[in-house]
Amino acid sequence: MTLANKPTLEESSAKETKISNKKQREKKNHWAEWKKSLRKNWELYLLLVPVILYFVVFHYYPLYGLQIAFKDFIATKGIADSPWVGFKHFERFFDSYYFWRLIKNTVGIGVFTLLVAFPVPIIIALLLNEVKSLRYKKFVQTVIYAPHFLSTVVVVGMLLLFLKPDGMINQVIMLFGGNPIDFITEPAWFKSIYVLSDVWQTMGWSSIIYIAALAAVDPAQHEAAMIDGASKFKRIIHINIPAIMPTIVILFILNMGSVMAVGFEKVFLMQNDLNISTSDVISTFVYRSGILEAQYSFSAAVGLFNSIINFVLLIMVNKIAKKVSDTSLW
């Protein structure tokens, strides 16, 4: 740009004013459009009010209580008047004897569950999609969906019954000449029992989303592939899996966000004094310290630490997925 063509100060100022006015007009137009839409579709906006109230009352308002993680909570003074102590409870947790055991058990169960339980519903959906007999397909779906409706208490009761020293599993082991194993009290078996029973209970229900995604695949693609001589396996690899890949990525991101959120109820029901070295996770530790020992501030700090780790994992995996596959939650 030559000196003659360089804009003067007045021209630059006029240009900035023009841009500013344009932004203000766009903002006004946007606000006017929103008010017009509100008047036109007020019934739909009204339907959203209970949902918003639900989240505000039950999901956002309770966050007010998180501040006790940074205080020495005294019940007679309440949350607001209890004294601030900074990161005292976090430091106590990091320095505690239980810290690495809890992290090891929680991450171990979470990652083991993700590696085993995540791919199984995808495989089931791909296999069911190839079943041509509608009656057989419905029968299989009913059988694998049913465990999802069992309560955790019932599932753990079944596990205790089947896995006890004289239970059905040990009867089979002894039938083949083996020695009975006390699965429930043996620490080394806890993670495997937890994860495999979880797979059994959830694989059918989790496959529904993938079956729905496979139903959207254009049959013309399969017909064209069959004309070209593609086998059933090649059509699964090159047509079905790419078609459901966005669904797989989204569900993987959501699952990664809950790696450290190992469910309390099932672990607590399966836990005993003999297997606690491998079954003690953050959620059960929070229950013990918060409810049984009344250390409310300390348990709140531990729970908050767990939630932050999950949140960070969710953000990281979402960012990586966006770069790798252009599919992400936001």
C-alpha atoms as a PDB file:
ATOM      1  CA  MET A   1       0.000   0.000   0.000  1.00  0.00           C
ATOM      2  CA  THR A   2       1.427   3.348  -1.004  1.00  0.00           C
ATOM      3  CA  LEU A   3       1.353   6.404   1.246  1.00  0.00           C
ATOM      4  CA  ALA A   4      -1.242   8.021  -1.050  1.00  0.00           C
ATOM      5  CA  ASN A   5      -3.599   5.034  -0.626  1.00  0.00           C
ATOM      6  CA  LYS A   6      -3.152   4.795   3.146  1.00  0.00           C
ATOM      7  CA  PRO A   7      -6.480   5.665   4.912  1.00  0.00           C
ATOM      8  CA  THR A   8      -6.468   8.842   6.944  1.00  0.00           C
ATOM      9  CA  LEU A   9      -7.322   8.968  10.640  1.00  0.00           C
ATOM     10  CA  GLU A  10     -10.796  10.347   9.866  1.00  0.00           C
ATOM     11  CA  GLU A  11     -11.446   7.549   7.350  1.00  0.00           C
ATOM     12  CA  SER A  12     -10.356   4.859   9.844  1.00  0.00           C
ATOM     13  CA  SER A  13     -12.564   6.384  12.515  1.00  0.00           C
ATOM     14  CA  ALA A  14     -15.525   6.505  10.128  1.00  0.00           C
ATOM     15  CA  LYS A  15     -14.945   2.880   9.180  1.00  0.00           C
ATOM     16  CA  GLU A  16     -14.891   1.782  12.839  1.00  0.00           C
ATOM     17  CA  THR A  17     -18.080   3.750  13.498  1.00  0.00           C
ATOM     18  CA  LYS A  18     -19.713   2.113  10.507  1.00  0.00           C
ATOM     19  CA  ILE A  19     -18.750  -1.382  11.760  1.00  0.00           C
ATOM     20  CA  SER A  20     -19.964  -0.565  15.258  1.00  0.00           C
ATOM     21  CA  ASN A  21     -23.310   0.685  13.916  1.00  0.00           C
ATOM     22  CA  LYS A  22     -23.651  -2.435  11.800  1.00  0.00           C
ATOM     23  CA  LYS A  23     -23.080  -4.669  14.852  1.00  0.00           C
ATOM     24  CA  GLN A  24     -25.655  -2.720  16.853  1.00  0.00           C
ATOM     25  CA  ARG A  25     -28.198  -3.053  14.033  1.00  0.00           C
ATOM     26  CA  GLU A  26     -27.528  -6.803  13.809  1.00  0.00           C
ATOM     27  CA  LYS A  27     -27.952  -7.109  17.586  1.00  0.00           C
ATOM     28  CA  LYS A  28     -31.238  -5.207  17.479  1.00  0.00           C
ATOM     29  CA  ASN A  29     -32.459  -7.306  14.545  1.00  0.00           C
ATOM     30  CA  HIS A  30     -31.516 -10.502  16.359  1.00  0.00           C
ATOM     31  CA  TRP A  31     -33.352  -9.385  19.504  1.00  0.00           C
ATOM     32  CA  ALA A  32     -36.395  -8.363  17.430  1.00  0.00           C
ATOM     33  CA  GLU A  33     -36.420 -11.747  15.686  1.00  0.00           C
ATOM     34  CA  TRP A  34     -36.229 -13.533  19.025  1.00  0.00           C
ATOM     35  CA  LYS A  35     -39.161 -11.528  20.426  1.00  0.00           C
ATOM     36  CA  LYS A  36     -41.128 -12.221  17.253  1.00  0.00           C
ATOM     37  CA  SER A  37     -40.382 -15.951  17.586  1.00  0.00           C
ATOM     38  CA  LEU A  38     -41.358 -15.855  21.284  1.00  0.00           C
ATOM     39  CA  ARG A  39     -44.734 -14.278  20.475  1.00  0.00           C
ATOM     40  CA  LYS A  40     -45.342 -16.721  17.637  1.00  0.00           C
ATOM     41  CA  ASN A  41     -44.265 -19.923  19.471  1.00  0.00           C
ATOM     42  CA  TRP A  42     -44.979 -18.989  23.092  1.00  0.00           C
ATOM     43  CA  GLU A  43     -46.596 -22.401  23.735  1.00  0.00           C
ATOM     44  CA  LEU A  44     -43.317 -24.196  22.913  1.00  0.00           C
ATOM     45  CA  TYR A  45     -41.286 -21.837  25.100  1.00  0.00           C
ATOM     46  CA  LEU A  46     -43.815 -22.387  27.905  1.00  0.00           C
ATOM     47  CA  LEU A  47     -43.244 -26.145  27.692  1.00  0.00           C
ATOM     48  CA  LEU A  48     -39.527 -25.546  28.328  1.00  0.00           C
ATOM     49  CA  VAL A  49     -40.161 -23.757  31.623  1.00  0.00           C
ATOM     50  CA  PRO A  50     -40.643 -26.926  33.783  1.00  0.00           C
ATOM     51  CA  VAL A  51     -37.460 -28.424  32.297  1.00  0.00           C
ATOM     52  CA  ILE A  52     -35.461 -25.282  33.057  1.00  0.00           C
ATOM     53  CA  LEU A  53     -36.906 -25.127  36.579  1.00  0.00           C
ATOM     54  CA  TYR A  54     -36.006 -28.792  37.148  1.00  0.00           C
ATOM     55  CA  PHE A  55     -32.363 -28.197  36.202  1.00  0.00           C
ATOM     56  CA  VAL A  56     -32.157 -24.997  38.220  1.00  0.00           C
ATOM     57  CA  VAL A  57     -33.669 -26.516  41.375  1.00  0.00           C
ATOM     58  CA  PHE A  58     -32.135 -30.005  41.332  1.00  0.00           C
ATOM     59  CA  HIS A  59     -28.880 -29.568  39.377  1.00  0.00           C
ATOM     60  CA  TYR A  60     -27.661 -25.984  39.726  1.00  0.00           C
ATOM     61  CA  TYR A  61     -28.957 -24.794  43.094  1.00  0.00           C
ATOM     62  CA  PRO A  62     -27.288 -27.724  44.989  1.00  0.00           C
ATOM     63  CA  LEU A  63     -23.930 -26.499  43.607  1.00  0.00           C
ATOM     64  CA  TYR A  64     -24.202 -23.794  46.264  1.00  0.00           C
ATOM     65  CA  GLY A  65     -23.303 -26.461  48.849  1.00  0.00           C
ATOM     66  CA  LEU A  66     -19.997 -27.272  47.121  1.00  0.00           C
ATOM     67  CA  GLN A  67     -18.368 -24.385  48.981  1.00  0.00           C
ATOM     68  CA  ILE A  68     -18.158 -26.565  52.110  1.00  0.00           C
ATOM     69  CA  ALA A  69     -15.268 -28.347  50.348  1.00  0.00           C
ATOM     70  CA  PHE A  70     -13.278 -25.164  51.039  1.00  0.00           C
ATOM     71  CA  LYS A  71     -14.622 -24.668  54.579  1.00  0.00           C
ATOM     72  CA  ASP A  72     -14.658 -26.421  57.933  1.00  0.00           C
ATOM     73  CA  PHE A  73     -18.365 -27.056  57.924  1.00  0.00           C
ATOM     74  CA  ILE A  74     -20.051 -26.533  61.298  1.00  0.00           C
ATOM     75  CA  ALA A  75     -23.692 -27.585  61.320  1.00  0.00           C
ATOM     76  CA  THR A  76     -24.747 -24.970  63.903  1.00  0.00           C
ATOM     77  CA  LYS A  77     -23.255 -22.144  61.801  1.00  0.00           C
ATOM     78  CA  GLY A  78     -24.547 -23.372  58.457  1.00  0.00           C
ATOM     79  CA  ILE A  79     -22.829 -23.346  55.069  1.00  0.00           C
ATOM     80  CA  ALA A  80     -22.500 -19.581  54.719  1.00  0.00           C
ATOM     81  CA  ASP A  81     -21.034 -18.848  58.179  1.00  0.00           C
ATOM     82  CA  SER A  82     -18.615 -21.792  58.454  1.00  0.00           C
ATOM     83  CA  PRO A  83     -14.945 -20.664  58.340  1.00  0.00           C
ATOM     84  CA  TRP A  84     -12.974 -20.797  55.077  1.00  0.00           C
ATOM     85  CA  VAL A  85      -9.932 -23.134  55.078  1.00  0.00           C
ATOM     86  CA  GLY A  86      -8.845 -23.017  51.430  1.00  0.00           C
ATOM     87  CA  PHE A  87      -7.523 -26.301  50.003  1.00  0.00           C
ATOM     88  CA  LYS A  88      -6.960 -27.948  53.391  1.00  0.00           C
ATOM     89  CA  HIS A  89      -9.304 -30.888  52.718  1.00  0.00           C
ATOM     90  CA  PHE A  90      -7.917 -31.472  49.206  1.00  0.00           C
ATOM     91  CA  GLU A  91      -4.361 -31.565  50.586  1.00  0.00           C
ATOM     92  CA  ARG A  92      -5.451 -33.971  53.309  1.00  0.00           C
ATOM     93  CA  PHE A  93      -6.951 -36.285  50.672  1.00  0.00           C
ATOM     94  CA  PHE A  94      -3.839 -36.131  48.453  1.00  0.00           C
ATOM     95  CA  ASP A  95      -1.606 -36.960  51.438  1.00  0.00           C
ATOM     96  CA  SER A  96      -3.837 -39.709  52.828  1.00  0.00           C
ATOM     97  CA  TYR A  97      -2.922 -43.383  52.888  1.00  0.00           C
ATOM     98  CA  TYR A  98      -5.997 -44.230  50.809  1.00  0.00           C
ATOM     99  CA  PHE A  99      -5.357 -41.780  47.924  1.00  0.00           C
ATOM    100  CA  TRP A 100      -3.412 -43.976  45.506  1.00  0.00           C
ATOM    101  CA  ARG A 101      -5.468 -47.064  46.351  1.00  0.00           C
ATOM    102  CA  LEU A 102      -8.677 -45.195  45.547  1.00  0.00           C
ATOM    103  CA  ILE A 103      -7.283 -43.738  42.317  1.00  0.00           C
ATOM    104  CA  LYS A 104      -5.918 -47.130  41.241  1.00  0.00           C
ATOM    105  CA  ASN A 105      -9.190 -48.958  41.937  1.00  0.00           C
ATOM    106  CA  THR A 106     -11.460 -46.271  40.481  1.00  0.00           C
ATOM    107  CA  VAL A 107      -9.452 -45.774  37.288  1.00  0.00           C
ATOM    108  CA  GLY A 108      -8.869 -49.538  36.970  1.00  0.00           C
ATOM    109  CA  ILE A 109     -12.579 -50.386  37.130  1.00  0.00           C
ATOM    110  CA  GLY A 110     -13.527 -47.419  34.936  1.00  0.00           C
ATOM    111  CA  VAL A 111     -11.017 -48.179  32.173  1.00  0.00           C
ATOM    112  CA  PHE A 112     -11.663 -51.949  32.347  1.00  0.00           C
ATOM    113  CA  THR A 113     -15.396 -51.295  31.984  1.00  0.00           C
ATOM    114  CA  LEU A 114     -14.816 -48.938  29.064  1.00  0.00           C
ATOM    115  CA  LEU A 115     -12.534 -51.365  27.211  1.00  0.00           C
ATOM    116  CA  VAL A 116     -14.815 -54.380  27.648  1.00  0.00           C
ATOM    117  CA  ALA A 117     -18.334 -52.961  27.893  1.00  0.00           C
ATOM    118  CA  PHE A 118     -18.086 -50.307  25.177  1.00  0.00           C
ATOM    119  CA  PRO A 119     -17.359 -52.490  22.094  1.00  0.00           C
ATOM    120  CA  VAL A 120     -19.768 -55.326  23.000  1.00  0.00           C
ATOM    121  CA  PRO A 121     -23.027 -53.428  22.177  1.00  0.00           C
ATOM    122  CA  ILE A 122     -21.526 -52.370  18.815  1.00  0.00           C
ATOM    123  CA  ILE A 123     -20.720 -55.986  17.939  1.00  0.00           C
ATOM    124  CA  ILE A 124     -24.181 -57.131  19.029  1.00  0.00           C
ATOM    125  CA  ALA A 125     -25.865 -54.430  16.939  1.00  0.00           C
ATOM    126  CA  LEU A 126     -23.805 -55.345  13.858  1.00  0.00           C
ATOM    127  CA  LEU A 127     -24.629 -59.044  14.287  1.00  0.00           C
ATOM    128  CA  LEU A 128     -28.345 -58.476  14.925  1.00  0.00           C
ATOM    129  CA  ASN A 129     -28.507 -56.245  11.875  1.00  0.00           C
ATOM    130  CA  GLU A 130     -27.482 -59.208   9.716  1.00  0.00           C
ATOM    131  CA  VAL A 131     -30.134 -61.568  11.141  1.00  0.00           C
ATOM    132  CA  LYS A 132     -32.856 -62.063   8.540  1.00  0.00           C
ATOM    133  CA  SER A 133     -35.334 -64.047  10.648  1.00  0.00           C
ATOM    134  CA  LEU A 134     -37.480 -61.400  12.346  1.00  0.00           C
ATOM    135  CA  ARG A 135     -38.832 -63.847  14.944  1.00  0.00           C
ATOM    136  CA  TYR A 136     -35.337 -65.026  15.955  1.00  0.00           C
ATOM    137  CA  LYS A 137     -34.091 -61.435  16.043  1.00  0.00           C
ATOM    138  CA  LYS A 138     -36.910 -60.383  18.412  1.00  0.00           C
ATOM    139  CA  PHE A 139     -36.249 -63.398  20.635  1.00  0.00           C
ATOM    140  CA  VAL A 140     -32.542 -62.556  20.959  1.00  0.00           C
ATOM    141  CA  GLN A 141     -33.294 -58.888  21.605  1.00  0.00           C
ATOM    142  CA  THR A 142     -35.780 -59.781  24.355  1.00  0.00           C
ATOM    143  CA  VAL A 143     -33.280 -62.118  26.026  1.00  0.00           C
ATOM    144  CA  ILE A 144     -30.421 -59.595  26.053  1.00  0.00           C
ATOM    145  CA  TYR A 145     -32.617 -56.592  26.968  1.00  0.00           C
ATOM    146  CA  ALA A 146     -34.208 -58.289  29.992  1.00  0.00           C
ATOM    147  CA  PRO A 147     -31.227 -57.978  32.422  1.00  0.00           C
ATOM    148  CA  HIS A 148     -31.336 -54.194  32.048  1.00  0.00           C
ATOM    149  CA  PHE A 149     -34.643 -54.122  33.961  1.00  0.00           C
ATOM    150  CA  LEU A 150     -33.268 -56.019  36.946  1.00  0.00           C
ATOM    151  CA  SER A 151     -32.375 -53.884  39.935  1.00  0.00           C
ATOM    152  CA  THR A 152     -28.753 -53.753  41.054  1.00  0.00           C
ATOM    153  CA  VAL A 153     -29.712 -55.449  44.321  1.00  0.00           C
ATOM    154  CA  VAL A 154     -31.167 -58.419  42.426  1.00  0.00           C
ATOM    155  CA  VAL A 155     -28.108 -58.659  40.156  1.00  0.00           C
ATOM    156  CA  VAL A 156     -25.698 -58.660  43.104  1.00  0.00           C
ATOM    157  CA  GLY A 157     -27.894 -61.234  44.869  1.00  0.00           C
ATOM    158  CA  MET A 158     -27.649 -63.486  41.818  1.00  0.00           C
ATOM    159  CA  LEU A 159     -23.870 -63.019  41.720  1.00  0.00           C
ATOM    160  CA  LEU A 160     -23.518 -63.971  45.380  1.00  0.00           C
ATOM    161  CA  LEU A 161     -25.683 -67.044  44.791  1.00  0.00           C
ATOM    162  CA  PHE A 162     -23.880 -68.244  41.669  1.00  0.00           C
ATOM    163  CA  LEU A 163     -20.343 -67.448  42.847  1.00  0.00           C
ATOM    164  CA  LYS A 164     -20.393 -68.762  46.411  1.00  0.00           C
ATOM    165  CA  PRO A 165     -18.054 -71.717  47.191  1.00  0.00           C
ATOM    166  CA  ASP A 166     -20.838 -74.274  46.632  1.00  0.00           C
ATOM    167  CA  GLY A 167     -22.597 -72.238  43.936  1.00  0.00           C
ATOM    168  CA  MET A 168     -23.332 -73.115  40.340  1.00  0.00           C
ATOM    169  CA  ILE A 169     -20.027 -71.804  38.901  1.00  0.00           C
ATOM    170  CA  ASN A 170     -17.918 -73.751  41.398  1.00  0.00           C
ATOM    171  CA  GLN A 171     -20.009 -76.871  40.753  1.00  0.00           C
ATOM    172  CA  VAL A 172     -19.014 -76.619  37.080  1.00  0.00           C
ATOM    173  CA  ILE A 173     -15.348 -76.054  38.009  1.00  0.00           C
ATOM    174  CA  MET A 174     -15.346 -79.120  40.281  1.00  0.00           C
ATOM    175  CA  LEU A 175     -17.086 -81.146  37.578  1.00  0.00           C
ATOM    176  CA  PHE A 176     -13.988 -80.633  35.402  1.00  0.00           C
ATOM    177  CA  GLY A 177     -11.642 -81.498  38.289  1.00  0.00           C
ATOM    178  CA  GLY A 178     -10.816 -78.001  39.496  1.00  0.00           C
ATOM    179  CA  ASN A 179     -10.815 -76.594  43.006  1.00  0.00           C
ATOM    180  CA  PRO A 180     -13.627 -74.272  44.147  1.00  0.00           C
ATOM    181  CA  ILE A 181     -12.831 -70.554  44.199  1.00  0.00           C
ATOM    182  CA  ASP A 182     -14.250 -68.084  46.688  1.00  0.00           C
ATOM    183  CA  PHE A 183     -14.876 -65.404  44.064  1.00  0.00           C
ATOM    184  CA  ILE A 184     -16.601 -62.906  46.341  1.00  0.00           C
ATOM    185  CA  THR A 185     -13.901 -62.718  49.012  1.00  0.00           C
ATOM    186  CA  GLU A 186     -10.898 -63.013  46.682  1.00  0.00           C
ATOM    187  CA  PRO A 187      -9.649 -59.440  45.902  1.00  0.00           C
ATOM    188  CA  ALA A 188      -8.163 -60.429  42.527  1.00  0.00           C
ATOM    189  CA  TRP A 189     -11.595 -61.421  41.176  1.00  0.00           C
ATOM    190  CA  PHE A 190     -13.503 -58.262  42.130  1.00  0.00           C
ATOM    191  CA  LYS A 191     -12.843 -56.160  38.995  1.00  0.00           C
ATOM    192  CA  SER A 192     -13.565 -59.031  36.609  1.00  0.00           C
ATOM    193  CA  ILE A 193     -16.838 -59.940  38.343  1.00  0.00           C
ATOM    194  CA  TYR A 194     -17.919 -56.294  38.451  1.00  0.00           C
ATOM    195  CA  VAL A 195     -17.147 -55.581  34.787  1.00  0.00           C
ATOM    196  CA  LEU A 196     -18.421 -58.855  33.284  1.00  0.00           C
ATOM    197  CA  SER A 197     -21.690 -58.695  35.217  1.00  0.00           C
ATOM    198  CA  ASP A 198     -22.046 -55.081  34.061  1.00  0.00           C
ATOM    199  CA  VAL A 199     -21.539 -56.166  30.448  1.00  0.00           C
ATOM    200  CA  TRP A 200     -24.175 -58.896  30.870  1.00  0.00           C
ATOM    201  CA  GLN A 201     -26.680 -56.437  32.329  1.00  0.00           C
ATOM    202  CA  THR A 202     -26.205 -53.499  29.938  1.00  0.00           C
ATOM    203  CA  MET A 203     -25.041 -54.860  26.573  1.00  0.00           C
ATOM    204  CA  GLY A 204     -28.539 -55.396  25.141  1.00  0.00           C
ATOM    205  CA  TRP A 205     -29.924 -52.040  26.194  1.00  0.00           C
ATOM    206  CA  SER A 206     -26.824 -50.158  25.027  1.00  0.00           C
ATOM    207  CA  SER A 207     -27.031 -51.784  21.585  1.00  0.00           C
ATOM    208  CA  ILE A 208     -30.421 -50.131  20.864  1.00  0.00           C
ATOM    209  CA  ILE A 209     -28.811 -46.840  19.801  1.00  0.00           C
ATOM    210  CA  TYR A 210     -26.475 -48.607  17.354  1.00  0.00           C
ATOM    211  CA  ILE A 211     -29.331 -50.711  15.931  1.00  0.00           C
ATOM    212  CA  ALA A 212     -31.293 -47.496  15.348  1.00  0.00           C
ATOM    213  CA  ALA A 213     -28.265 -45.927  13.635  1.00  0.00           C
ATOM    214  CA  LEU A 214     -27.857 -49.006  11.404  1.00  0.00           C
ATOM    215  CA  ALA A 215     -31.523 -48.785  10.375  1.00  0.00           C
ATOM    216  CA  ALA A 216     -30.714 -45.442   8.734  1.00  0.00           C
ATOM    217  CA  VAL A 217     -28.147 -46.985   6.347  1.00  0.00           C
ATOM    218  CA  ASP A 218     -29.312 -46.721   2.733  1.00  0.00           C
ATOM    219  CA  PRO A 219     -30.044 -50.283   1.400  1.00  0.00           C
ATOM    220  CA  ALA A 220     -28.914 -49.101  -2.045  1.00  0.00           C
ATOM    221  CA  GLN A 221     -25.326 -49.033  -0.749  1.00  0.00           C
ATOM    222  CA  HIS A 222     -25.521 -52.711   0.195  1.00  0.00           C
ATOM    223  CA  GLU A 223     -27.140 -53.602  -3.124  1.00  0.00           C
ATOM    224  CA  ALA A 224     -24.403 -51.790  -5.047  1.00  0.00           C
ATOM    225  CA  ALA A 225     -21.723 -53.520  -2.944  1.00  0.00           C
ATOM    226  CA  MET A 226     -23.294 -56.951  -3.525  1.00  0.00           C
ATOM    227  CA  ILE A 227     -23.339 -56.334  -7.285  1.00  0.00           C
ATOM    228  CA  ASP A 228     -19.616 -55.565  -7.017  1.00  0.00           C
ATOM    229  CA  GLY A 229     -19.111 -58.896  -5.221  1.00  0.00           C
ATOM    230  CA  ALA A 230     -18.549 -57.581  -1.686  1.00  0.00           C
ATOM    231  CA  SER A 231     -18.992 -60.205   1.025  1.00  0.00           C
ATOM    232  CA  LYS A 232     -21.146 -59.656   4.115  1.00  0.00           C
ATOM    233  CA  PHE A 233     -18.039 -59.022   6.252  1.00  0.00           C
ATOM    234  CA  LYS A 234     -16.700 -56.402   3.816  1.00  0.00           C
ATOM    235  CA  ARG A 235     -20.078 -54.642   3.767  1.00  0.00           C
ATOM    236  CA  ILE A 236     -20.034 -54.477   7.565  1.00  0.00           C
ATOM    237  CA  ILE A 237     -16.511 -53.031   7.530  1.00  0.00           C
ATOM    238  CA  HIS A 238     -16.943 -50.551   4.674  1.00  0.00           C
ATOM    239  CA  ILE A 239     -20.626 -49.554   4.953  1.00  0.00           C
ATOM    240  CA  ASN A 240     -22.153 -50.280   8.372  1.00  0.00           C
ATOM    241  CA  ILE A 241     -19.275 -49.266  10.642  1.00  0.00           C
ATOM    242  CA  PRO A 242     -18.587 -45.930   8.850  1.00  0.00           C
ATOM    243  CA  ALA A 243     -22.338 -45.211   8.958  1.00  0.00           C
ATOM    244  CA  ILE A 244     -22.509 -45.557  12.759  1.00  0.00           C
ATOM    245  CA  MET A 245     -19.075 -44.045  13.434  1.00  0.00           C
ATOM    246  CA  PRO A 246     -20.451 -40.601  14.531  1.00  0.00           C
ATOM    247  CA  THR A 247     -22.711 -42.401  17.025  1.00  0.00           C
ATOM    248  CA  ILE A 248     -19.760 -44.458  18.284  1.00  0.00           C
ATOM    249  CA  VAL A 249     -17.622 -41.335  18.748  1.00  0.00           C
ATOM    250  CA  ILE A 250     -20.344 -39.426  20.629  1.00  0.00           C
ATOM    251  CA  LEU A 251     -21.037 -42.343  22.992  1.00  0.00           C
ATOM    252  CA  PHE A 252     -17.317 -42.910  23.512  1.00  0.00           C
ATOM    253  CA  ILE A 253     -16.885 -39.268  24.551  1.00  0.00           C
ATOM    254  CA  LEU A 254     -19.791 -39.571  26.998  1.00  0.00           C
ATOM    255  CA  ASN A 255     -18.363 -42.804  28.421  1.00  0.00           C
ATOM    256  CA  MET A 256     -14.916 -41.237  28.842  1.00  0.00           C
ATOM    257  CA  GLY A 257     -16.538 -38.441  30.832  1.00  0.00           C
ATOM    258  CA  SER A 258     -17.682 -40.979  33.412  1.00  0.00           C
ATOM    259  CA  VAL A 259     -14.560 -43.172  33.661  1.00  0.00           C
ATOM    260  CA  MET A 260     -14.024 -42.169  37.289  1.00  0.00           C
ATOM    261  CA  ALA A 261     -17.730 -42.123  38.112  1.00  0.00           C
ATOM    262  CA  VAL A 262     -17.831 -45.787  39.091  1.00  0.00           C
ATOM    263  CA  GLY A 263     -21.317 -46.486  40.417  1.00  0.00           C
ATOM    264  CA  PHE A 264     -21.611 -46.562  44.190  1.00  0.00           C
ATOM    265  CA  GLU A 265     -24.530 -48.956  44.634  1.00  0.00           C
ATOM    266  CA  LYS A 266     -23.132 -52.082  42.979  1.00  0.00           C
ATOM    267  CA  VAL A 267     -19.613 -51.677  44.379  1.00  0.00           C
ATOM    268  CA  PHE A 268     -21.018 -51.104  47.857  1.00  0.00           C
ATOM    269  CA  LEU A 269     -23.216 -54.213  47.658  1.00  0.00           C
ATOM    270  CA  MET A 270     -20.342 -56.386  46.406  1.00  0.00           C
ATOM    271  CA  GLN A 271     -17.836 -54.984  48.891  1.00  0.00           C
ATOM    272  CA  ASN A 272     -16.724 -56.837  52.028  1.00  0.00           C
ATOM    273  CA  ASP A 273     -13.799 -56.666  54.451  1.00  0.00           C
ATOM    274  CA  LEU A 274     -11.821 -59.281  52.531  1.00  0.00           C
ATOM    275  CA  ASN A 275     -11.959 -57.679  49.065  1.00  0.00           C
ATOM    276  CA  ILE A 276     -11.864 -54.009  50.141  1.00  0.00           C
ATOM    277  CA  SER A 277      -8.264 -53.628  48.917  1.00  0.00           C
ATOM    278  CA  THR A 278      -9.542 -53.803  45.303  1.00  0.00           C
ATOM    279  CA  SER A 279     -13.184 -52.756  45.762  1.00  0.00           C
ATOM    280  CA  ASP A 280     -12.674 -49.474  47.602  1.00  0.00           C
ATOM    281  CA  VAL A 281     -13.387 -46.654  45.115  1.00  0.00           C
ATOM    282  CA  ILE A 282     -13.886 -42.907  45.481  1.00  0.00           C
ATOM    283  CA  SER A 283     -17.689 -43.133  45.714  1.00  0.00           C
ATOM    284  CA  THR A 284     -17.596 -45.662  48.582  1.00  0.00           C
ATOM    285  CA  PHE A 285     -14.872 -43.623  50.329  1.00  0.00           C
ATOM    286  CA  VAL A 286     -17.056 -40.498  50.068  1.00  0.00           C
ATOM    287  CA  TYR A 287     -19.946 -42.460  51.596  1.00  0.00           C
ATOM    288  CA  ARG A 288     -17.808 -43.681  54.513  1.00  0.00           C
ATOM    289  CA  SER A 289     -16.185 -40.348  55.280  1.00  0.00           C
ATOM    290  CA  GLY A 290     -19.271 -38.217  54.637  1.00  0.00           C
ATOM    291  CA  ILE A 291     -22.209 -40.258  55.944  1.00  0.00           C
ATOM    292  CA  LEU A 292     -20.696 -42.693  58.441  1.00  0.00           C
ATOM    293  CA  GLU A 293     -17.940 -40.449  59.859  1.00  0.00           C
ATOM    294  CA  ALA A 294     -19.746 -37.081  59.362  1.00  0.00           C
ATOM    295  CA  GLN A 295     -16.702 -35.449  57.692  1.00  0.00           C
ATOM    296  CA  TYR A 296     -18.875 -33.397  55.343  1.00  0.00           C
ATOM    297  CA  SER A 297     -16.252 -30.924  54.139  1.00  0.00           C
ATOM    298  CA  PHE A 298     -13.661 -33.627  53.494  1.00  0.00           C
ATOM    299  CA  SER A 299     -16.090 -35.867  51.594  1.00  0.00           C
ATOM    300  CA  ALA A 300     -17.298 -32.869  49.555  1.00  0.00           C
ATOM    301  CA  ALA A 301     -13.669 -32.112  48.602  1.00  0.00           C
ATOM    302  CA  VAL A 302     -13.101 -35.729  47.503  1.00  0.00           C
ATOM    303  CA  GLY A 303     -16.320 -35.770  45.482  1.00  0.00           C
ATOM    304  CA  LEU A 304     -15.475 -32.426  43.863  1.00  0.00           C
ATOM    305  CA  PHE A 305     -12.007 -33.687  42.924  1.00  0.00           C
ATOM    306  CA  ASN A 306     -13.606 -36.725  41.245  1.00  0.00           C
ATOM    307  CA  SER A 307     -16.056 -34.559  39.288  1.00  0.00           C
ATOM    308  CA  ILE A 308     -13.306 -32.206  38.094  1.00  0.00           C
ATOM    309  CA  ILE A 309     -11.223 -35.132  36.786  1.00  0.00           C
ATOM    310  CA  ASN A 310     -14.254 -36.452  34.876  1.00  0.00           C
ATOM    311  CA  PHE A 311     -14.936 -32.994  33.454  1.00  0.00           C
ATOM    312  CA  VAL A 312     -11.315 -32.575  32.308  1.00  0.00           C
ATOM    313  CA  LEU A 313     -11.380 -36.021  30.657  1.00  0.00           C
ATOM    314  CA  LEU A 314     -14.611 -35.133  28.854  1.00  0.00           C
ATOM    315  CA  ILE A 315     -13.161 -31.868  27.517  1.00  0.00           C
ATOM    316  CA  MET A 316      -9.905 -33.529  26.398  1.00  0.00           C
ATOM    317  CA  VAL A 317     -11.555 -36.456  24.604  1.00  0.00           C
ATOM    318  CA  ASN A 318     -14.106 -34.168  22.977  1.00  0.00           C
ATOM    319  CA  LYS A 319     -11.297 -31.951  21.661  1.00  0.00           C
ATOM    320  CA  ILE A 320      -9.303 -34.923  20.351  1.00  0.00           C
ATOM    321  CA  ALA A 321     -12.411 -36.413  18.693  1.00  0.00           C
ATOM    322  CA  LYS A 322     -13.147 -33.096  17.019  1.00  0.00           C
ATOM    323  CA  LYS A 323      -9.657 -32.959  15.532  1.00  0.00           C
ATOM    324  CA  VAL A 324      -9.528 -36.605  14.482  1.00  0.00           C
ATOM    325  CA  SER A 325     -13.056 -37.248  13.213  1.00  0.00           C
ATOM    326  CA  ASP A 326     -14.879 -33.873  13.043  1.00  0.00           C
ATOM    327  CA  THR A 327     -17.475 -35.371  15.385  1.00  0.00           C
ATOM    328  CA  SER A 328     -17.884 -33.936  18.861  1.00  0.00           C
ATOM    329  CA  LEU A 329     -20.417 -32.951  21.476  1.00  0.00           C
ATOM    330  CA  TRP A 330     -19.879 -29.233  20.813  1.00  0.00           C
END
